[in-house]
Amino acid sequence: MSSLNQKFHINSEDWASLEPISDQEKQVRIDLATAYQLAYLKNWDDGIYTHISAAILGEEGAYLLNQFGLRFNEITPQNLVKVNIDGQILSGKGQVNQTGFAIHGAVHAARLDAHCVFHLHIDSVIAVSAQKKGLLPISQHALRFYQDMGYHPYQGLALSSQEQTSLIANLGKKKAMLLHNHGSIVCGSSIQQAFYLMDVLERACKIQLLTGSLEGLILPDSEICQLTYRQLCSDGDDEGQIEWPAYQRMFMDSK
């Protein structure tokens, strides 16, 4: 944590600017801010829009989110805002995009296992979301989502209560969902797992687009797809943990 503290220029005075917080919240703040910074390095941001949210373990109904108006590279552990399930501010300064948080709040409320939720507008993912065949099992990256991908039709900018119900139904118990013509939702039992899965999904979409045509592709047999999916999920909720230190170094080594 000391290297990350230096990268974020964290000292005791910085933490003192917040209300008293638990060690658990402090760690979630550091990990979530790291995820935002990494997302910026990977060009996953969309100006000041889109969000990554994380539940604060040990504090039921409390979530951390970026301030509305800040780019991902401006996010620090201290300027994350704490909100409730409705996006109302519990602590922190600055505005929160309540309309943007609606998707996150809906997923957090319906999926208690979703401790971290990514909702991003990545070019390659949007492109695949607009393809009628969806994400095809043409790479090992795509096979991670072979039985773990939902789809949801585009219904406009704001999430209505009616759409919220259908969105949650389409997501089900899956870790990821493509929002047609819009982007993606990725859920994780931890920030580490959610970030790792988002990274894998982006690579899968890039590979599919690089084929240029969806005709004449070689697809593995369904039995092989199912076997590979099970193999790729063998770490369970520990998925992404072994990769996280390498992601942290990516951020710490960035200029």
Foldseek 3Di string as FASTA:
>chain_A
DVLLCVLLVHDPVLVVVWDDDDPQLLVQLSLQLLLLLLCVVVVFADQQDWWKKFARPPDPQKIWIAARPDHSNPRHSRQIFIAGLQRHTPDHDHHDDSQNCPLVSLCVVLPVLQRMKGWTFDPLLQVQLQDPVHQAQQDLLSLLCVVAEFEAEDDDRGQDPVNSVVVCVRNPPHQKYRYHNGTIMGGASGSQQRSVNVVSVSVSSVVVVVVVDPPPGDHDDPVVSVVSNCVQCVVPNCHRVVCVVVSSVVSSPDD
